[in-house]
Structure formats: structure tokens, C-alpha cells
Amino acid sequence: MSQEKNTVRVHIFDTEYPIHAEEDPDYIQKIAAYVDRRMREIPGSTATRSLASVAILTAVTIADELHKEREGRDEQEKSLSRLDDKIKALIQRVDQVLDHPASQVSYHKE
């Protein structure tokens, strides 16, 4: 059973838009505020550029942020995978030592 869709009125770059979504209205407002803020950060956005130009530049900027976040997450996952491989190899080595303790060199100080 799907959630009920809400209609939330948001203001982005001095224009009101109705957004139909299943997400919480506060979340939608938060996202809209972010988009509005990013649009206003585009150099010359209020005087010298069309709304379409500002929207496209903002979309490219946000897409760049998303892409960099995903790349960072992918690198973290690769690092975790390498660490997991090292842990597995260490566990195997410990298991070998425990299975055949007589064949291992002892480093006890006396």
C-alpha cells in the first residue's frame, strides 16, 4: 500500500510551485529551500541571466555535488572491502596457527 501524496507549495527563486510527493512536507520545504539558496548563489543570477539559465547552472552544480558524494562513497566502500580482505586473511592465518601450533615458531621470552 503506497503512502498518500501531499501537495506542498514551495517558493523557489521568487516563484511558487506545487510539489506532489509522498515525502514529509517539511522535507520537501527543506529541499526547496536548498534549491532556492543554490540558485541565488549563481553569479549574476538575479539580473543578467534568464530563469532557465540559472536553473540549468544550478542543476549542473547540484549534479556535481551528487557525483562527488557518490565517488567518495564508492572510494569508502573500496577501502572497506580491502580492509575486509585483510581481516579475512589475518583470521585465516590465526586459524592456521591455532590448528597447527607445534609447527609455528614461538617468540616467548624467558
N, C-alpha and C. Protein backbone atom coordinates (compact mmCIF):
# COMPACT_ATOMS: atom_id res chain seq x y z
N MET A 1 0.84 -1.17 0.00
CA MET A 1 0.00 0.00 0.00
C MET A 1 0.88 1.23 0.00
N SER A 2 0.68 2.15 -0.97
CA SER A 2 1.52 3.33 -1.06
C SER A 2 1.02 4.43 -0.13
N GLN A 3 1.96 5.31 0.20
CA GLN A 3 1.61 6.43 1.05
C GLN A 3 0.77 7.43 0.27
N GLU A 4 0.03 8.23 1.01
CA GLU A 4 -0.76 9.29 0.40
C GLU A 4 0.16 10.41 -0.04
N LYS A 5 -0.07 10.95 -1.24
CA LYS A 5 0.74 12.05 -1.73
C LYS A 5 0.25 13.36 -1.13
N ASN A 6 1.21 14.17 -0.74
CA ASN A 6 0.93 15.50 -0.23
C ASN A 6 1.16 16.52 -1.33
N THR A 7 0.46 17.61 -1.28
CA THR A 7 0.77 18.73 -2.14
C THR A 7 1.34 19.82 -1.25
N VAL A 8 2.56 20.19 -1.55
CA VAL A 8 3.27 21.19 -0.77
C VAL A 8 3.58 22.36 -1.69
N ARG A 9 3.26 23.54 -1.26
CA ARG A 9 3.58 24.74 -2.04
C ARG A 9 4.92 25.27 -1.56
N VAL A 10 5.85 25.35 -2.51
CA VAL A 10 7.20 25.82 -2.20
C VAL A 10 7.52 27.07 -3.02
N HIS A 11 8.44 27.84 -2.52
CA HIS A 11 8.90 29.05 -3.23
C HIS A 11 10.36 28.85 -3.60
N ILE A 12 10.61 28.88 -4.90
CA ILE A 12 11.97 28.74 -5.41
C ILE A 12 12.22 29.89 -6.38
N PHE A 13 13.19 30.69 -6.05
CA PHE A 13 13.61 31.79 -6.92
C PHE A 13 12.43 32.70 -7.27
N ASP A 14 11.70 33.07 -6.24
CA ASP A 14 10.57 34.00 -6.32
C ASP A 14 9.36 33.48 -7.10
N THR A 15 9.28 32.18 -7.26
CA THR A 15 8.12 31.58 -7.92
C THR A 15 7.58 30.47 -7.03
N GLU A 16 6.25 30.37 -6.96
CA GLU A 16 5.63 29.32 -6.16
C GLU A 16 5.35 28.11 -7.04
N TYR A 17 5.67 26.92 -6.50
CA TYR A 17 5.45 25.67 -7.22
C TYR A 17 4.71 24.69 -6.31
N PRO A 18 3.69 24.00 -6.84
CA PRO A 18 3.07 22.92 -6.06
C PRO A 18 3.87 21.64 -6.31
N ILE A 19 4.28 21.00 -5.23
CA ILE A 19 5.03 19.74 -5.34
C ILE A 19 4.15 18.63 -4.78
N HIS A 20 3.94 17.60 -5.59
CA HIS A 20 3.16 16.43 -5.17
C HIS A 20 4.15 15.31 -4.85
N ALA A 21 4.17 14.90 -3.59
CA ALA A 21 5.14 13.89 -3.18
C ALA A 21 4.65 13.12 -1.96
N GLU A 22 5.21 11.93 -1.78
CA GLU A 22 4.88 11.11 -0.61
C GLU A 22 5.71 11.51 0.61
N GLU A 23 6.79 12.22 0.38
CA GLU A 23 7.67 12.61 1.48
C GLU A 23 6.98 13.62 2.40
N ASP A 24 7.55 13.74 3.58
CA ASP A 24 7.07 14.68 4.58
C ASP A 24 7.13 16.11 4.04
N PRO A 25 6.09 16.91 4.24
CA PRO A 25 6.09 18.30 3.75
C PRO A 25 7.29 19.12 4.23
N ASP A 26 7.71 18.90 5.47
CA ASP A 26 8.88 19.63 5.97
C ASP A 26 10.14 19.28 5.19
N TYR A 27 10.25 18.03 4.80
CA TYR A 27 11.39 17.60 3.99
C TYR A 27 11.35 18.28 2.63
N ILE A 28 10.19 18.32 2.02
CA ILE A 28 10.04 18.97 0.71
C ILE A 28 10.41 20.45 0.81
N GLN A 29 9.96 21.10 1.88
CA GLN A 29 10.30 22.51 2.08
C GLN A 29 11.81 22.69 2.23
N LYS A 30 12.43 21.78 2.94
CA LYS A 30 13.88 21.84 3.16
C LYS A 30 14.63 21.71 1.82
N ILE A 31 14.20 20.78 0.99
CA ILE A 31 14.83 20.58 -0.32
C ILE A 31 14.62 21.80 -1.20
N ALA A 32 13.40 22.33 -1.19
CA ALA A 32 13.10 23.52 -1.99
C ALA A 32 13.95 24.71 -1.53
N ALA A 33 14.11 24.86 -0.24
CA ALA A 33 14.93 25.95 0.29
C ALA A 33 16.38 25.80 -0.16
N TYR A 34 16.85 24.56 -0.20
CA TYR A 34 18.21 24.30 -0.67
C TYR A 34 18.37 24.70 -2.13
N VAL A 35 17.42 24.29 -2.96
CA VAL A 35 17.47 24.64 -4.39
C VAL A 35 17.41 26.15 -4.55
N ASP A 36 16.53 26.81 -3.82
CA ASP A 36 16.41 28.27 -3.89
C ASP A 36 17.74 28.93 -3.52
N ARG A 37 18.33 28.47 -2.42
CA ARG A 37 19.61 29.04 -1.97
C ARG A 37 20.70 28.85 -3.02
N ARG A 38 20.75 27.65 -3.61
CA ARG A 38 21.78 27.38 -4.62
C ARG A 38 21.55 28.22 -5.88
N MET A 39 20.29 28.43 -6.25
CA MET A 39 20.01 29.26 -7.42
C MET A 39 20.47 30.69 -7.19
N ARG A 40 20.29 31.17 -5.99
CA ARG A 40 20.67 32.55 -5.67
C ARG A 40 22.19 32.71 -5.58
N GLU A 41 22.92 31.62 -5.45
CA GLU A 41 24.38 31.67 -5.39
C GLU A 41 25.03 31.76 -6.77
N ILE A 42 24.26 31.49 -7.82
CA ILE A 42 24.81 31.55 -9.18
C ILE A 42 25.19 33.00 -9.47
N PRO A 43 26.45 33.23 -9.87
CA PRO A 43 26.87 34.62 -10.13
C PRO A 43 25.98 35.31 -11.16
N GLY A 44 25.54 36.50 -10.83
CA GLY A 44 24.71 37.29 -11.73
C GLY A 44 23.31 36.72 -11.92
N SER A 45 22.85 35.88 -11.00
CA SER A 45 21.59 35.18 -11.21
C SER A 45 20.37 36.08 -11.21
N THR A 46 20.40 37.20 -10.51
CA THR A 46 19.19 38.00 -10.41
C THR A 46 19.04 39.02 -11.51
N ALA A 47 20.09 39.38 -12.19
CA ALA A 47 19.96 40.47 -13.16
C ALA A 47 20.28 40.06 -14.59
N THR A 48 21.34 39.32 -14.79
CA THR A 48 21.84 39.14 -16.15
C THR A 48 21.51 37.81 -16.79
N ARG A 49 20.89 36.90 -16.07
CA ARG A 49 20.62 35.58 -16.63
C ARG A 49 19.13 35.28 -16.59
N SER A 50 18.71 34.46 -17.54
CA SER A 50 17.30 34.04 -17.56
C SER A 50 17.07 32.99 -16.49
N LEU A 51 15.82 32.80 -16.13
CA LEU A 51 15.47 31.77 -15.15
C LEU A 51 15.95 30.40 -15.61
N ALA A 52 15.79 30.12 -16.90
CA ALA A 52 16.23 28.82 -17.44
C ALA A 52 17.74 28.65 -17.28
N SER A 53 18.51 29.68 -17.55
CA SER A 53 19.97 29.60 -17.41
C SER A 53 20.37 29.36 -15.96
N VAL A 54 19.74 30.08 -15.06
CA VAL A 54 20.04 29.91 -13.64
C VAL A 54 19.67 28.49 -13.20
N ALA A 55 18.51 28.01 -13.66
CA ALA A 55 18.07 26.66 -13.28
C ALA A 55 19.03 25.61 -13.82
N ILE A 56 19.49 25.75 -15.05
CA ILE A 56 20.42 24.78 -15.64
C ILE A 56 21.76 24.81 -14.90
N LEU A 57 22.28 26.00 -14.64
CA LEU A 57 23.55 26.09 -13.92
C LEU A 57 23.42 25.52 -12.51
N THR A 58 22.29 25.75 -11.87
CA THR A 58 22.05 25.19 -10.54
C THR A 58 21.97 23.67 -10.61
N ALA A 59 21.27 23.15 -11.61
CA ALA A 59 21.17 21.70 -11.76
C ALA A 59 22.54 21.07 -11.98
N VAL A 60 23.38 21.71 -12.77
CA VAL A 60 24.73 21.19 -13.01
C VAL A 60 25.54 21.23 -11.71
N THR A 61 25.42 22.30 -10.96
CA THR A 61 26.14 22.43 -9.70
C THR A 61 25.71 21.34 -8.71
N ILE A 62 24.41 21.13 -8.57
CA ILE A 62 23.90 20.10 -7.66
C ILE A 62 24.26 18.70 -8.14
N ALA A 63 24.22 18.48 -9.46
CA ALA A 63 24.62 17.18 -10.01
C ALA A 63 26.10 16.92 -9.73
N ASP A 64 26.93 17.95 -9.81
CA ASP A 64 28.35 17.83 -9.49
C ASP A 64 28.53 17.42 -8.03
N GLU A 65 27.80 18.07 -7.13
CA GLU A 65 27.85 17.70 -5.71
C GLU A 65 27.48 16.24 -5.51
N LEU A 66 26.39 15.82 -6.13
CA LEU A 66 25.93 14.45 -6.00
C LEU A 66 26.97 13.47 -6.52
N HIS A 67 27.54 13.78 -7.68
CA HIS A 67 28.54 12.91 -8.29
C HIS A 67 29.75 12.77 -7.37
N LYS A 68 30.23 13.87 -6.81
CA LYS A 68 31.39 13.82 -5.91
C LYS A 68 31.06 13.03 -4.65
N GLU A 69 29.86 13.18 -4.11
CA GLU A 69 29.44 12.40 -2.94
C GLU A 69 29.45 10.91 -3.25
N ARG A 70 28.91 10.56 -4.42
CA ARG A 70 28.87 9.15 -4.81
C ARG A 70 30.27 8.60 -5.02
N GLU A 71 31.15 9.38 -5.65
CA GLU A 71 32.54 8.93 -5.83
C GLU A 71 33.20 8.70 -4.47
N GLY A 72 32.97 9.62 -3.53
CA GLY A 72 33.53 9.48 -2.20
C GLY A 72 33.03 8.23 -1.51
N ARG A 73 31.73 7.97 -1.64
CA ARG A 73 31.13 6.77 -1.04
C ARG A 73 31.71 5.51 -1.69
N ASP A 74 31.89 5.53 -3.02
CA ASP A 74 32.47 4.38 -3.72
C ASP A 74 33.90 4.11 -3.23
N GLU A 75 34.68 5.17 -3.03
CA GLU A 75 36.04 5.01 -2.53
C GLU A 75 36.03 4.43 -1.11
N GLN A 76 35.10 4.89 -0.28
CA GLN A 76 34.99 4.34 1.07
C GLN A 76 34.64 2.86 1.02
N GLU A 77 33.72 2.49 0.14
CA GLU A 77 33.34 1.08 0.01
C GLU A 77 34.52 0.24 -0.45
N LYS A 78 35.33 0.76 -1.37
CA LYS A 78 36.52 0.03 -1.83
C LYS A 78 37.51 -0.14 -0.69
N SER A 79 37.71 0.92 0.09
CA SER A 79 38.63 0.84 1.23
C SER A 79 38.13 -0.19 2.25
N LEU A 80 36.83 -0.18 2.52
CA LEU A 80 36.26 -1.15 3.45
C LEU A 80 36.41 -2.56 2.93
N SER A 81 36.26 -2.74 1.63
CA SER A 81 36.40 -4.06 1.04
C SER A 81 37.84 -4.55 1.17
N ARG A 82 38.83 -3.66 0.94
CA ARG A 82 40.24 -4.04 1.10
C ARG A 82 40.53 -4.39 2.56
N LEU A 83 39.99 -3.61 3.47
CA LEU A 83 40.17 -3.88 4.90
C LEU A 83 39.54 -5.21 5.27
N ASP A 84 38.35 -5.48 4.74
CA ASP A 84 37.68 -6.76 4.99
C ASP A 84 38.53 -7.92 4.49
N ASP A 85 39.15 -7.77 3.31
CA ASP A 85 40.02 -8.83 2.77
C ASP A 85 41.21 -9.06 3.68
N LYS A 86 41.80 -7.99 4.20
CA LYS A 86 42.95 -8.13 5.10
C LYS A 86 42.54 -8.81 6.40
N ILE A 87 41.38 -8.47 6.92
CA ILE A 87 40.89 -9.10 8.15
C ILE A 87 40.66 -10.59 7.92
N LYS A 88 40.06 -10.94 6.79
CA LYS A 88 39.83 -12.35 6.48
C LYS A 88 41.15 -13.12 6.38
N ALA A 89 42.16 -12.49 5.75
CA ALA A 89 43.46 -13.14 5.63
C ALA A 89 44.10 -13.32 7.00
N LEU A 90 43.96 -12.34 7.86
CA LEU A 90 44.51 -12.44 9.21
C LEU A 90 43.80 -13.53 10.01
N ILE A 91 42.49 -13.61 9.87
CA ILE A 91 41.73 -14.66 10.56
C ILE A 91 42.17 -16.04 10.07
N GLN A 92 42.39 -16.17 8.77
CA GLN A 92 42.87 -17.45 8.23
C GLN A 92 44.23 -17.81 8.82
N ARG A 93 45.10 -16.81 8.93
CA ARG A 93 46.43 -17.06 9.50
C ARG A 93 46.33 -17.48 10.97
N VAL A 94 45.49 -16.80 11.72
CA VAL A 94 45.29 -17.16 13.13
C VAL A 94 44.73 -18.58 13.23
N ASP A 95 43.77 -18.90 12.38
CA ASP A 95 43.20 -20.25 12.38
C ASP A 95 44.28 -21.29 12.08
N GLN A 96 45.19 -21.00 11.13
CA GLN A 96 46.28 -21.92 10.81
C GLN A 96 47.18 -22.14 12.01
N VAL A 97 47.50 -21.05 12.70
CA VAL A 97 48.36 -21.16 13.87
C VAL A 97 47.67 -21.97 14.96
N LEU A 98 46.40 -21.76 15.15
CA LEU A 98 45.67 -22.49 16.18
C LEU A 98 45.50 -23.96 15.82
N ASP A 99 45.37 -24.25 14.53
CA ASP A 99 45.22 -25.64 14.10
C ASP A 99 46.52 -26.42 14.16
N HIS A 100 47.66 -25.76 13.98
CA HIS A 100 48.97 -26.42 13.95
C HIS A 100 49.96 -25.65 14.80
N PRO A 101 49.75 -25.58 16.10
CA PRO A 101 50.63 -24.77 16.95
C PRO A 101 52.06 -25.29 17.05
N ALA A 102 52.29 -26.59 16.90
CA ALA A 102 53.63 -27.16 17.04
C ALA A 102 54.54 -26.75 15.90
N SER A 103 53.98 -26.46 14.74
CA SER A 103 54.80 -26.11 13.58
C SER A 103 55.14 -24.62 13.54
N GLN A 104 54.65 -23.87 14.48
CA GLN A 104 54.89 -22.43 14.50
C GLN A 104 56.07 -22.10 15.41
N VAL A 105 56.77 -21.04 15.09
CA VAL A 105 57.88 -20.58 15.90
C VAL A 105 57.34 -19.82 17.09
N SER A 106 57.90 -20.10 18.26
CA SER A 106 57.47 -19.43 19.48
C SER A 106 58.36 -18.25 19.75
N TYR A 107 57.79 -17.15 20.20
CA TYR A 107 58.56 -15.95 20.50
C TYR A 107 58.45 -15.58 21.96
N HIS A 108 58.39 -16.55 22.84
CA HIS A 108 58.29 -16.29 24.28
C HIS A 108 59.64 -15.92 24.83
N LYS A 109 59.71 -14.88 25.63
CA LYS A 109 60.95 -14.51 26.33
C LYS A 109 60.99 -15.25 27.64
N GLU A 110 62.14 -15.75 27.97
CA GLU A 110 62.27 -16.47 29.24
C GLU A 110 63.27 -15.82 30.12
